[in-house]
Amino acid sequence: MDPKDFIKRLREFLESKNFSSLEEINWTIKEFIEMENNTPLEKFCGLSPYKMWRLVNFPFDSPDVISFNTNALPPLDAPFVKLFILLIKGIHDAKGLKATVAGNLPRDFCRELERTYLPEEDLKFFSRDKFPIIREQDFPDLHRVRVVAEMAGYIRKYKKRFVLTERGRKLVERSFTIDNYSHLFKTFALKYNWAYFDFFDEIDIIQDSFLFTLYLLQIFGNEFRSKEFYANKFSAAFSLILKSIPPDSRFDTSTEKEIKNAYIHRAINLFAIAWGFAKTEKNLPYSGRFSENVRKTNFLDEFIKLA
């Protein structure tokens, strides 16, 4: 909210009233602030400042604004979920995996998992016949899943081996449920740093506004739209915050362009698509992300309800 614009509107509102006491003025100011907070804004695509504030600051504690359907079926075909299940099953079947000196998953396991996870077209995209995996980080999606799986308490290192925790063993016994999905989702949203292992600046608001990204997909995602369309909506909603970000000397492009690229990379590719909320025109786990257009999935509307 622009403070100057707010003060101007408040002054105009007060000037249109007649007051007989200071108490009445204070009550009217409170009335104006409440009205402002609950008025849908175009830059928020129909959300009020109050709802946006709740989504950004209390994403899992705002039942008057958003709810999560724990009866929905988990999106087992979502890239993150598929890879997570393969990781858990692989550790279980191997009865634990010896960590490398660097504390990573063993190289041969990473290679085998990638061949299981990626279709031939994606393997060719990586030129794996010429550039095979040397370390876990060469398979960024797996590295990300492994970190989140540890943070969420499904795996841990014990005596220099990756083993399943009790939570991980229960998952194998009972299969992957919406409760598992919800726990991982919450861990990824609140604990995992989206800026980790990429080349953009932090830009915390990209992660903090993850529910706004899903809101945008809900209202605009009935048809395929460009990822840049959503990046533009994000930039318009948080323009005041984004203006405070200094330019990055590593890039020749403008700060605005880099912020949009970071948003597309993190909020669309690694979040909305990877977690089953959006899909591309080309249904491939990795190279499909390079498709320009996305639309929402049925799972998004089933799992999340905005008031």
C-alpha atoms as a PDB file:
ATOM      1  CA  MET A   1       0.000   0.000   0.000  1.00  0.00           C
ATOM      2  CA  ASP A   2       1.319   3.424  -0.973  1.00  0.00           C
ATOM      3  CA  PRO A   3       1.266   5.543   2.258  1.00  0.00           C
ATOM      4  CA  LYS A   4       0.747   8.812   0.357  1.00  0.00           C
ATOM      5  CA  ASP A   5      -2.193   7.376  -1.558  1.00  0.00           C
ATOM      6  CA  PHE A   6      -3.704   5.975   1.642  1.00  0.00           C
ATOM      7  CA  ILE A   7      -3.422   9.324   3.464  1.00  0.00           C
ATOM      8  CA  LYS A   8      -5.020  11.091   0.508  1.00  0.00           C
ATOM      9  CA  ARG A   9      -8.013   8.745   0.516  1.00  0.00           C
ATOM     10  CA  LEU A  10      -8.337   9.008   4.309  1.00  0.00           C
ATOM     11  CA  ARG A  11      -8.328  12.794   4.138  1.00  0.00           C
ATOM     12  CA  GLU A  12     -11.012  12.774   1.434  1.00  0.00           C
ATOM     13  CA  PHE A  13     -13.095  10.334   3.472  1.00  0.00           C
ATOM     14  CA  LEU A  14     -12.863  12.453   6.622  1.00  0.00           C
ATOM     15  CA  GLU A  15     -13.651  15.639   4.743  1.00  0.00           C
ATOM     16  CA  SER A  16     -16.925  14.115   3.592  1.00  0.00           C
ATOM     17  CA  LYS A  17     -18.054  13.634   7.222  1.00  0.00           C
ATOM     18  CA  ASN A  18     -19.178  15.905  10.035  1.00  0.00           C
ATOM     19  CA  PHE A  19     -17.830  15.245  13.523  1.00  0.00           C
ATOM     20  CA  SER A  20     -18.927  16.382  16.971  1.00  0.00           C
ATOM     21  CA  SER A  21     -16.131  14.803  19.015  1.00  0.00           C
ATOM     22  CA  LEU A  22     -12.613  13.395  18.851  1.00  0.00           C
ATOM     23  CA  GLU A  23     -14.014  10.008  19.758  1.00  0.00           C
ATOM     24  CA  GLU A  24     -16.219  10.084  16.675  1.00  0.00           C
ATOM     25  CA  ILE A  25     -13.209  10.947  14.495  1.00  0.00           C
ATOM     26  CA  ASN A  26     -11.249   8.002  15.900  1.00  0.00           C
ATOM     27  CA  TRP A  27     -14.159   5.648  15.305  1.00  0.00           C
ATOM     28  CA  THR A  28     -14.493   6.897  11.711  1.00  0.00           C
ATOM     29  CA  ILE A  29     -10.773   6.381  11.057  1.00  0.00           C
ATOM     30  CA  LYS A  30     -11.068   2.804  12.310  1.00  0.00           C
ATOM     31  CA  GLU A  31     -14.088   2.320  10.069  1.00  0.00           C
ATOM     32  CA  PHE A  32     -12.105   3.595   7.066  1.00  0.00           C
ATOM     33  CA  ILE A  33      -9.128   1.325   7.794  1.00  0.00           C
ATOM     34  CA  GLU A  34     -11.409  -1.707   8.115  1.00  0.00           C
ATOM     35  CA  MET A  35     -13.129  -0.773   4.866  1.00  0.00           C
ATOM     36  CA  GLU A  36      -9.764  -0.396   3.117  1.00  0.00           C
ATOM     37  CA  ASN A  37      -8.509  -3.714   4.435  1.00  0.00           C
ATOM     38  CA  ASN A  38     -11.549  -5.586   3.181  1.00  0.00           C
ATOM     39  CA  THR A  39     -11.905  -3.943  -0.233  1.00  0.00           C
ATOM     40  CA  PRO A  40     -10.850  -6.198  -3.154  1.00  0.00           C
ATOM     41  CA  LEU A  41      -7.996  -4.682  -5.135  1.00  0.00           C
ATOM     42  CA  GLU A  42      -7.330  -4.998  -8.841  1.00  0.00           C
ATOM     43  CA  LYS A  43      -3.568  -5.377  -8.296  1.00  0.00           C
ATOM     44  CA  PHE A  44      -4.305  -8.330  -5.986  1.00  0.00           C
ATOM     45  CA  CYS A  45      -6.591  -9.816  -8.659  1.00  0.00           C
ATOM     46  CA  GLY A  46      -9.668  -9.490  -6.447  1.00  0.00           C
ATOM     47  CA  LEU A  47      -8.137 -10.213  -3.050  1.00  0.00           C
ATOM     48  CA  SER A  48      -8.475  -7.650  -0.292  1.00  0.00           C
ATOM     49  CA  PRO A  49      -5.393  -6.420   1.620  1.00  0.00           C
ATOM     50  CA  TYR A  50      -6.596  -8.393   4.635  1.00  0.00           C
ATOM     51  CA  LYS A  51      -6.811 -11.657   2.689  1.00  0.00           C
ATOM     52  CA  MET A  52      -3.440 -11.086   1.051  1.00  0.00           C
ATOM     53  CA  TRP A  53      -1.896 -10.359   4.448  1.00  0.00           C
ATOM     54  CA  ARG A  54      -3.288 -13.621   5.835  1.00  0.00           C
ATOM     55  CA  LEU A  55      -2.131 -15.656   2.823  1.00  0.00           C
ATOM     56  CA  VAL A  56       1.412 -14.287   3.019  1.00  0.00           C
ATOM     57  CA  ASN A  57       1.896 -14.252   6.798  1.00  0.00           C
ATOM     58  CA  PHE A  58      -0.376 -17.027   8.087  1.00  0.00           C
ATOM     59  CA  PRO A  59      -0.813 -19.436   5.159  1.00  0.00           C
ATOM     60  CA  PHE A  60      -1.769 -22.439   7.286  1.00  0.00           C
ATOM     61  CA  ASP A  61      -3.586 -20.579  10.054  1.00  0.00           C
ATOM     62  CA  SER A  62      -6.242 -18.585   8.204  1.00  0.00           C
ATOM     63  CA  PRO A  63      -9.403 -20.732   8.057  1.00  0.00           C
ATOM     64  CA  ASP A  64     -11.495 -17.652   7.279  1.00  0.00           C
ATOM     65  CA  VAL A  65      -9.486 -17.182   4.086  1.00  0.00           C
ATOM     66  CA  ILE A  66      -8.180 -20.594   2.985  1.00  0.00           C
ATOM     67  CA  SER A  67      -8.706 -24.262   3.769  1.00  0.00           C
ATOM     68  CA  PHE A  68      -7.028 -27.488   2.661  1.00  0.00           C
ATOM     69  CA  ASN A  69      -9.072 -30.552   1.760  1.00  0.00           C
ATOM     70  CA  THR A  70      -7.469 -33.519   3.517  1.00  0.00           C
ATOM     71  CA  ASN A  71      -9.881 -35.867   1.732  1.00  0.00           C
ATOM     72  CA  ALA A  72      -8.432 -35.115  -1.700  1.00  0.00           C
ATOM     73  CA  LEU A  73      -6.435 -37.829  -3.436  1.00  0.00           C
ATOM     74  CA  PRO A  74      -2.685 -37.028  -3.490  1.00  0.00           C
ATOM     75  CA  PRO A  75      -1.225 -36.214  -6.943  1.00  0.00           C
ATOM     76  CA  LEU A  76       0.938 -39.303  -7.370  1.00  0.00           C
ATOM     77  CA  ASP A  77       1.931 -38.185 -10.872  1.00  0.00           C
ATOM     78  CA  ALA A  78       3.336 -34.854  -9.626  1.00  0.00           C
ATOM     79  CA  PRO A  79       7.096 -34.797 -10.343  1.00  0.00           C
ATOM     80  CA  PHE A  80       8.131 -34.091  -6.745  1.00  0.00           C
ATOM     81  CA  VAL A  81       5.851 -36.801  -5.371  1.00  0.00           C
ATOM     82  CA  LYS A  82       6.973 -39.415  -7.921  1.00  0.00           C
ATOM     83  CA  LEU A  83      10.625 -38.795  -7.149  1.00  0.00           C
ATOM     84  CA  PHE A  84      10.030 -38.706  -3.399  1.00  0.00           C
ATOM     85  CA  ILE A  85       8.295 -42.111  -3.480  1.00  0.00           C
ATOM     86  CA  LEU A  86      11.125 -43.575  -5.588  1.00  0.00           C
ATOM     87  CA  LEU A  87      13.655 -42.252  -3.065  1.00  0.00           C
ATOM     88  CA  ILE A  88      11.836 -43.699  -0.053  1.00  0.00           C
ATOM     89  CA  LYS A  89      11.278 -47.045  -1.781  1.00  0.00           C
ATOM     90  CA  GLY A  90      14.922 -47.172  -2.906  1.00  0.00           C
ATOM     91  CA  ILE A  91      16.253 -46.612   0.608  1.00  0.00           C
ATOM     92  CA  HIS A  92      13.789 -49.156   1.994  1.00  0.00           C
ATOM     93  CA  ASP A  93      14.618 -51.861  -0.576  1.00  0.00           C
ATOM     94  CA  ALA A  94      18.361 -51.360  -0.057  1.00  0.00           C
ATOM     95  CA  LYS A  95      17.892 -51.503   3.731  1.00  0.00           C
ATOM     96  CA  GLY A  96      19.725 -48.203   3.928  1.00  0.00           C
ATOM     97  CA  LEU A  97      22.277 -46.514   1.681  1.00  0.00           C
ATOM     98  CA  LYS A  98      25.856 -45.633   2.534  1.00  0.00           C
ATOM     99  CA  ALA A  99      26.407 -41.868   2.299  1.00  0.00           C
ATOM    100  CA  THR A 100      29.318 -40.522   0.310  1.00  0.00           C
ATOM    101  CA  VAL A 101      32.200 -38.689   1.977  1.00  0.00           C
ATOM    102  CA  ALA A 102      30.355 -35.453   1.158  1.00  0.00           C
ATOM    103  CA  GLY A 103      27.210 -36.778   2.825  1.00  0.00           C
ATOM    104  CA  ASN A 104      25.273 -37.356  -0.388  1.00  0.00           C
ATOM    105  CA  LEU A 105      23.364 -40.273  -1.853  1.00  0.00           C
ATOM    106  CA  PRO A 106      25.648 -42.803  -3.607  1.00  0.00           C
ATOM    107  CA  ARG A 107      26.375 -42.121  -7.267  1.00  0.00           C
ATOM    108  CA  ASP A 108      25.104 -45.428  -8.688  1.00  0.00           C
ATOM    109  CA  PHE A 109      21.835 -45.088  -6.778  1.00  0.00           C
ATOM    110  CA  CYS A 110      21.338 -41.572  -8.214  1.00  0.00           C
ATOM    111  CA  ARG A 111      21.978 -42.859 -11.739  1.00  0.00           C
ATOM    112  CA  GLU A 112      19.563 -45.762 -11.370  1.00  0.00           C
ATOM    113  CA  LEU A 113      16.869 -43.542  -9.862  1.00  0.00           C
ATOM    114  CA  GLU A 114      17.212 -41.030 -12.671  1.00  0.00           C
ATOM    115  CA  ARG A 115      16.806 -43.747 -15.314  1.00  0.00           C
ATOM    116  CA  THR A 116      13.649 -44.899 -13.552  1.00  0.00           C
ATOM    117  CA  TYR A 117      12.273 -41.408 -13.076  1.00  0.00           C
ATOM    118  CA  LEU A 118      13.047 -39.706 -16.385  1.00  0.00           C
ATOM    119  CA  PRO A 119      11.712 -40.781 -19.777  1.00  0.00           C
ATOM    120  CA  GLU A 120      14.168 -41.304 -22.598  1.00  0.00           C
ATOM    121  CA  GLU A 121      13.487 -37.851 -24.038  1.00  0.00           C
ATOM    122  CA  ASP A 122      14.597 -36.170 -20.814  1.00  0.00           C
ATOM    123  CA  LEU A 123      17.681 -38.364 -20.536  1.00  0.00           C
ATOM    124  CA  LYS A 124      18.646 -37.282 -24.048  1.00  0.00           C
ATOM    125  CA  PHE A 125      18.006 -33.675 -23.029  1.00  0.00           C
ATOM    126  CA  PHE A 126      20.681 -34.085 -20.328  1.00  0.00           C
ATOM    127  CA  SER A 127      22.991 -35.984 -22.729  1.00  0.00           C
ATOM    128  CA  ARG A 128      23.420 -38.585 -20.027  1.00  0.00           C
ATOM    129  CA  ASP A 129      25.267 -40.889 -22.405  1.00  0.00           C
ATOM    130  CA  LYS A 130      28.062 -38.285 -22.491  1.00  0.00           C
ATOM    131  CA  PHE A 131      27.624 -36.589 -19.109  1.00  0.00           C
ATOM    132  CA  PRO A 132      26.552 -39.169 -16.505  1.00  0.00           C
ATOM    133  CA  ILE A 133      25.804 -38.242 -12.906  1.00  0.00           C
ATOM    134  CA  ILE A 134      28.970 -37.899 -10.823  1.00  0.00           C
ATOM    135  CA  ARG A 135      27.395 -36.651  -7.598  1.00  0.00           C
ATOM    136  CA  GLU A 136      23.900 -36.200  -6.199  1.00  0.00           C
ATOM    137  CA  GLN A 137      23.823 -32.487  -7.073  1.00  0.00           C
ATOM    138  CA  ASP A 138      24.118 -33.401 -10.760  1.00  0.00           C
ATOM    139  CA  PHE A 139      20.507 -34.559 -10.386  1.00  0.00           C
ATOM    140  CA  PRO A 140      19.082 -31.303  -8.919  1.00  0.00           C
ATOM    141  CA  ASP A 141      15.523 -32.585  -8.563  1.00  0.00           C
ATOM    142  CA  LEU A 142      16.665 -35.565  -6.509  1.00  0.00           C
ATOM    143  CA  HIS A 143      18.935 -33.407  -4.371  1.00  0.00           C
ATOM    144  CA  ARG A 144      16.009 -31.116  -3.621  1.00  0.00           C
ATOM    145  CA  VAL A 145      13.714 -34.026  -2.784  1.00  0.00           C
ATOM    146  CA  ARG A 146      16.329 -35.630  -0.534  1.00  0.00           C
ATOM    147  CA  VAL A 147      16.840 -32.386   1.426  1.00  0.00           C
ATOM    148  CA  VAL A 148      13.079 -31.906   1.906  1.00  0.00           C
ATOM    149  CA  ALA A 149      12.620 -35.585   2.842  1.00  0.00           C
ATOM    150  CA  GLU A 150      15.181 -35.139   5.627  1.00  0.00           C
ATOM    151  CA  MET A 151      13.654 -31.865   6.786  1.00  0.00           C
ATOM    152  CA  ALA A 152      10.210 -33.493   6.872  1.00  0.00           C
ATOM    153  CA  GLY A 153      11.505 -36.414   8.937  1.00  0.00           C
ATOM    154  CA  TYR A 154      11.161 -39.298   6.463  1.00  0.00           C
ATOM    155  CA  ILE A 155      14.862 -40.120   6.195  1.00  0.00           C
ATOM    156  CA  ARG A 156      17.940 -39.420   8.281  1.00  0.00           C
ATOM    157  CA  LYS A 157      21.631 -40.249   8.407  1.00  0.00           C
ATOM    158  CA  TYR A 158      22.580 -42.892  10.944  1.00  0.00           C
ATOM    159  CA  LYS A 159      26.167 -44.157  11.199  1.00  0.00           C
ATOM    160  CA  LYS A 160      26.946 -42.577   7.825  1.00  0.00           C
ATOM    161  CA  ARG A 161      23.997 -44.285   6.144  1.00  0.00           C
ATOM    162  CA  PHE A 162      20.687 -42.967   4.826  1.00  0.00           C
ATOM    163  CA  VAL A 163      17.898 -44.835   6.612  1.00  0.00           C
ATOM    164  CA  LEU A 164      14.153 -44.425   6.918  1.00  0.00           C
ATOM    165  CA  THR A 165      12.716 -42.934  10.084  1.00  0.00           C
ATOM    166  CA  GLU A 166       9.575 -44.293  11.704  1.00  0.00           C
ATOM    167  CA  ARG A 167       7.581 -41.842   9.596  1.00  0.00           C
ATOM    168  CA  GLY A 168       9.314 -43.156   6.476  1.00  0.00           C
ATOM    169  CA  ARG A 169       8.679 -46.796   7.390  1.00  0.00           C
ATOM    170  CA  LYS A 170       4.990 -46.073   8.016  1.00  0.00           C
ATOM    171  CA  LEU A 171       4.749 -44.501   4.569  1.00  0.00           C
ATOM    172  CA  VAL A 172       6.107 -47.695   2.978  1.00  0.00           C
ATOM    173  CA  GLU A 173       3.669 -49.816   4.982  1.00  0.00           C
ATOM    174  CA  ARG A 174       0.586 -47.674   4.344  1.00  0.00           C
ATOM    175  CA  SER A 175       1.441 -46.101   0.951  1.00  0.00           C
ATOM    176  CA  PHE A 176       1.553 -42.395   0.169  1.00  0.00           C
ATOM    177  CA  THR A 177      -1.482 -40.478   1.479  1.00  0.00           C
ATOM    178  CA  ILE A 178      -2.779 -36.921   1.365  1.00  0.00           C
ATOM    179  CA  ASP A 179      -1.467 -36.522   4.928  1.00  0.00           C
ATOM    180  CA  ASN A 180       2.044 -37.304   3.670  1.00  0.00           C
ATOM    181  CA  TYR A 181       1.551 -34.826   0.847  1.00  0.00           C
ATOM    182  CA  SER A 182       0.291 -32.128   3.215  1.00  0.00           C
ATOM    183  CA  HIS A 183       3.240 -32.610   5.572  1.00  0.00           C
ATOM    184  CA  LEU A 184       5.767 -32.417   2.730  1.00  0.00           C
ATOM    185  CA  PHE A 185       3.945 -29.446   1.218  1.00  0.00           C
ATOM    186  CA  LYS A 186       4.066 -27.556   4.497  1.00  0.00           C
ATOM    187  CA  THR A 187       7.746 -28.393   4.959  1.00  0.00           C
ATOM    188  CA  PHE A 188       8.594 -27.200   1.461  1.00  0.00           C
ATOM    189  CA  ALA A 189       6.585 -24.001   1.881  1.00  0.00           C
ATOM    190  CA  LEU A 190       7.801 -22.984   5.339  1.00  0.00           C
ATOM    191  CA  LYS A 191      11.158 -24.636   6.049  1.00  0.00           C
ATOM    192  CA  TYR A 192      12.944 -25.323   2.789  1.00  0.00           C
ATOM    193  CA  ASN A 193      14.667 -22.281   1.272  1.00  0.00           C
ATOM    194  CA  TRP A 194      13.460 -21.930  -2.319  1.00  0.00           C
ATOM    195  CA  ALA A 195      16.560 -19.904  -3.169  1.00  0.00           C
ATOM    196  CA  TYR A 196      18.811 -22.831  -2.255  1.00  0.00           C
ATOM    197  CA  PHE A 197      20.795 -24.305  -5.104  1.00  0.00           C
ATOM    198  CA  ASP A 198      19.821 -21.776  -7.758  1.00  0.00           C
ATOM    199  CA  PHE A 199      21.495 -18.715  -9.226  1.00  0.00           C
ATOM    200  CA  PHE A 200      18.999 -15.973  -8.369  1.00  0.00           C
ATOM    201  CA  ASP A 201      18.914 -13.613  -5.381  1.00  0.00           C
ATOM    202  CA  GLU A 202      16.855 -14.544  -2.319  1.00  0.00           C
ATOM    203  CA  ILE A 203      13.662 -12.501  -3.108  1.00  0.00           C
ATOM    204  CA  ASP A 204      11.779 -13.879  -0.100  1.00  0.00           C
ATOM    205  CA  ILE A 205       8.372 -12.660  -1.282  1.00  0.00           C
ATOM    206  CA  ILE A 206       8.367 -15.293  -4.060  1.00  0.00           C
ATOM    207  CA  GLN A 207       8.253 -18.038  -1.441  1.00  0.00           C
ATOM    208  CA  ASP A 208       6.171 -16.098   1.090  1.00  0.00           C
ATOM    209  CA  SER A 209       3.438 -15.564  -1.510  1.00  0.00           C
ATOM    210  CA  PHE A 210       3.174 -19.210  -2.591  1.00  0.00           C
ATOM    211  CA  LEU A 211      -0.561 -19.243  -1.901  1.00  0.00           C
ATOM    212  CA  PHE A 212      -1.044 -16.162  -4.055  1.00  0.00           C
ATOM    213  CA  THR A 213       0.558 -18.095  -6.913  1.00  0.00           C
ATOM    214  CA  LEU A 214      -1.970 -20.878  -6.402  1.00  0.00           C
ATOM    215  CA  TYR A 215      -4.771 -18.311  -6.204  1.00  0.00           C
ATOM    216  CA  LEU A 216      -3.662 -16.887  -9.553  1.00  0.00           C
ATOM    217  CA  LEU A 217      -3.710 -20.352 -11.079  1.00  0.00           C
ATOM    218  CA  GLN A 218      -7.168 -20.993  -9.688  1.00  0.00           C
ATOM    219  CA  ILE A 219      -8.722 -17.902 -11.222  1.00  0.00           C
ATOM    220  CA  PHE A 220      -6.754 -17.723 -14.487  1.00  0.00           C
ATOM    221  CA  GLY A 221      -5.684 -21.319 -15.056  1.00  0.00           C
ATOM    222  CA  ASN A 222      -8.671 -22.796 -16.862  1.00  0.00           C
ATOM    223  CA  GLU A 223      -6.741 -22.382 -20.095  1.00  0.00           C
ATOM    224  CA  PHE A 224      -3.064 -22.463 -20.973  1.00  0.00           C
ATOM    225  CA  ARG A 225      -1.408 -19.118 -20.319  1.00  0.00           C
ATOM    226  CA  SER A 226       2.219 -18.084 -20.464  1.00  0.00           C
ATOM    227  CA  LYS A 227       4.339 -18.327 -17.353  1.00  0.00           C
ATOM    228  CA  GLU A 228       5.203 -14.684 -17.905  1.00  0.00           C
ATOM    229  CA  PHE A 229       1.499 -13.843 -17.494  1.00  0.00           C
ATOM    230  CA  TYR A 230       1.702 -15.087 -13.894  1.00  0.00           C
ATOM    231  CA  ALA A 231       5.061 -13.401 -13.342  1.00  0.00           C
ATOM    232  CA  ASN A 232       3.503 -10.094 -14.398  1.00  0.00           C
ATOM    233  CA  LYS A 233       0.602 -10.562 -11.961  1.00  0.00           C
ATOM    234  CA  PHE A 234       3.065 -11.311  -9.175  1.00  0.00           C
ATOM    235  CA  SER A 235       5.174  -8.244 -10.013  1.00  0.00           C
ATOM    236  CA  ALA A 236       2.114  -5.984 -10.042  1.00  0.00           C
ATOM    237  CA  ALA A 237       0.879  -7.278  -6.676  1.00  0.00           C
ATOM    238  CA  PHE A 238       4.200  -6.793  -4.888  1.00  0.00           C
ATOM    239  CA  SER A 239       5.628  -3.871  -6.845  1.00  0.00           C
ATOM    240  CA  LEU A 240       6.520  -1.839  -3.731  1.00  0.00           C
ATOM    241  CA  ILE A 241       8.492  -4.718  -2.199  1.00  0.00           C
ATOM    242  CA  LEU A 242      10.212  -5.575  -5.462  1.00  0.00           C
ATOM    243  CA  LYS A 243      11.304  -1.971  -6.047  1.00  0.00           C
ATOM    244  CA  SER A 244      13.499  -2.216  -2.953  1.00  0.00           C
ATOM    245  CA  ILE A 245      15.557  -5.081  -4.425  1.00  0.00           C
ATOM    246  CA  PRO A 246      18.942  -3.801  -5.681  1.00  0.00           C
ATOM    247  CA  PRO A 247      20.134  -4.783  -9.169  1.00  0.00           C
ATOM    248  CA  ASP A 248      22.294  -7.889  -9.451  1.00  0.00           C
ATOM    249  CA  SER A 249      25.616  -7.097 -11.103  1.00  0.00           C
ATOM    250  CA  ARG A 250      25.930 -10.699 -12.322  1.00  0.00           C
ATOM    251  CA  PHE A 251      23.276 -10.138 -14.979  1.00  0.00           C
ATOM    252  CA  ASP A 252      23.048  -7.734 -17.874  1.00  0.00           C
ATOM    253  CA  THR A 253      19.245  -7.817 -17.910  1.00  0.00           C
ATOM    254  CA  SER A 254      17.084  -5.500 -15.813  1.00  0.00           C
ATOM    255  CA  THR A 255      16.200  -6.212 -12.199  1.00  0.00           C
ATOM    256  CA  GLU A 256      12.539  -6.529 -13.194  1.00  0.00           C
ATOM    257  CA  LYS A 257      13.356  -9.196 -15.772  1.00  0.00           C
ATOM    258  CA  GLU A 258      15.526 -11.152 -13.335  1.00  0.00           C
ATOM    259  CA  ILE A 259      12.797 -11.065 -10.678  1.00  0.00           C
ATOM    260  CA  LYS A 260      10.305 -12.464 -13.194  1.00  0.00           C
ATOM    261  CA  ASN A 261      12.768 -15.172 -14.235  1.00  0.00           C
ATOM    262  CA  ALA A 262      13.305 -16.088 -10.583  1.00  0.00           C
ATOM    263  CA  TYR A 263       9.535 -16.227 -10.040  1.00  0.00           C
ATOM    264  CA  ILE A 264       8.995 -18.508 -13.029  1.00  0.00           C
ATOM    265  CA  HIS A 265      11.842 -20.782 -11.956  1.00  0.00           C
ATOM    266  CA  ARG A 266      10.809 -21.085  -8.308  1.00  0.00           C
ATOM    267  CA  ALA A 267       7.076 -20.452  -8.069  1.00  0.00           C
ATOM    268  CA  ILE A 268       5.953 -21.996 -11.363  1.00  0.00           C
ATOM    269  CA  ASN A 269       8.508 -24.664 -12.297  1.00  0.00           C
ATOM    270  CA  LEU A 270       9.775 -25.910  -8.945  1.00  0.00           C
ATOM    271  CA  PHE A 271       6.552 -25.351  -7.003  1.00  0.00           C
ATOM    272  CA  ALA A 272       3.320 -25.253  -8.993  1.00  0.00           C
ATOM    273  CA  ILE A 273       4.350 -27.788 -11.636  1.00  0.00           C
ATOM    274  CA  ALA A 274       6.529 -29.994  -9.434  1.00  0.00           C
ATOM    275  CA  TRP A 275       3.837 -30.299  -6.764  1.00  0.00           C
ATOM    276  CA  GLY A 276       0.969 -31.080  -9.114  1.00  0.00           C
ATOM    277  CA  PHE A 277      -0.864 -27.739  -9.085  1.00  0.00           C
ATOM    278  CA  ALA A 278      -0.070 -26.858 -12.697  1.00  0.00           C
ATOM    279  CA  LYS A 279       0.867 -28.694 -15.870  1.00  0.00           C
ATOM    280  CA  THR A 280       2.601 -27.807 -19.103  1.00  0.00           C
ATOM    281  CA  GLU A 281       1.621 -28.609 -22.661  1.00  0.00           C
ATOM    282  CA  LYS A 282       4.501 -31.097 -22.824  1.00  0.00           C
ATOM    283  CA  ASN A 283       4.106 -33.665 -20.051  1.00  0.00           C
ATOM    284  CA  LEU A 284       7.749 -34.396 -19.217  1.00  0.00           C
ATOM    285  CA  PRO A 285       9.249 -34.187 -15.695  1.00  0.00           C
ATOM    286  CA  TYR A 286      12.192 -31.984 -16.636  1.00  0.00           C
ATOM    287  CA  SER A 287      12.286 -30.673 -20.192  1.00  0.00           C
ATOM    288  CA  GLY A 288       8.533 -30.043 -19.987  1.00  0.00           C
ATOM    289  CA  ARG A 289       9.330 -27.119 -17.689  1.00  0.00           C
ATOM    290  CA  PHE A 290      10.698 -25.272 -20.670  1.00  0.00           C
ATOM    291  CA  SER A 291       7.207 -25.114 -22.151  1.00  0.00           C
ATOM    292  CA  GLU A 292       6.061 -21.500 -22.135  1.00  0.00           C
ATOM    293  CA  ASN A 293       2.467 -22.136 -21.097  1.00  0.00           C
ATOM    294  CA  VAL A 294       0.800 -23.683 -18.052  1.00  0.00           C
ATOM    295  CA  ARG A 295      -2.691 -24.367 -16.791  1.00  0.00           C
ATOM    296  CA  LYS A 296      -4.044 -25.558 -13.468  1.00  0.00           C
ATOM    297  CA  THR A 297      -4.731 -29.184 -12.584  1.00  0.00           C
ATOM    298  CA  ASN A 298      -7.916 -30.602 -11.116  1.00  0.00           C
ATOM    299  CA  PHE A 299      -5.967 -31.367  -7.956  1.00  0.00           C
ATOM    300  CA  LEU A 300      -5.454 -27.652  -7.250  1.00  0.00           C
ATOM    301  CA  ASP A 301      -9.189 -27.008  -7.025  1.00  0.00           C
ATOM    302  CA  GLU A 302      -9.731 -30.193  -5.052  1.00  0.00           C
ATOM    303  CA  PHE A 303      -7.031 -29.519  -2.467  1.00  0.00           C
ATOM    304  CA  ILE A 304      -7.323 -25.770  -1.862  1.00  0.00           C
ATOM    305  CA  LYS A 305     -10.430 -23.705  -1.175  1.00  0.00           C
ATOM    306  CA  LEU A 306     -10.200 -19.922  -0.946  1.00  0.00           C
ATOM    307  CA  ALA A 307     -12.984 -18.111   0.902  1.00  0.00           C
END
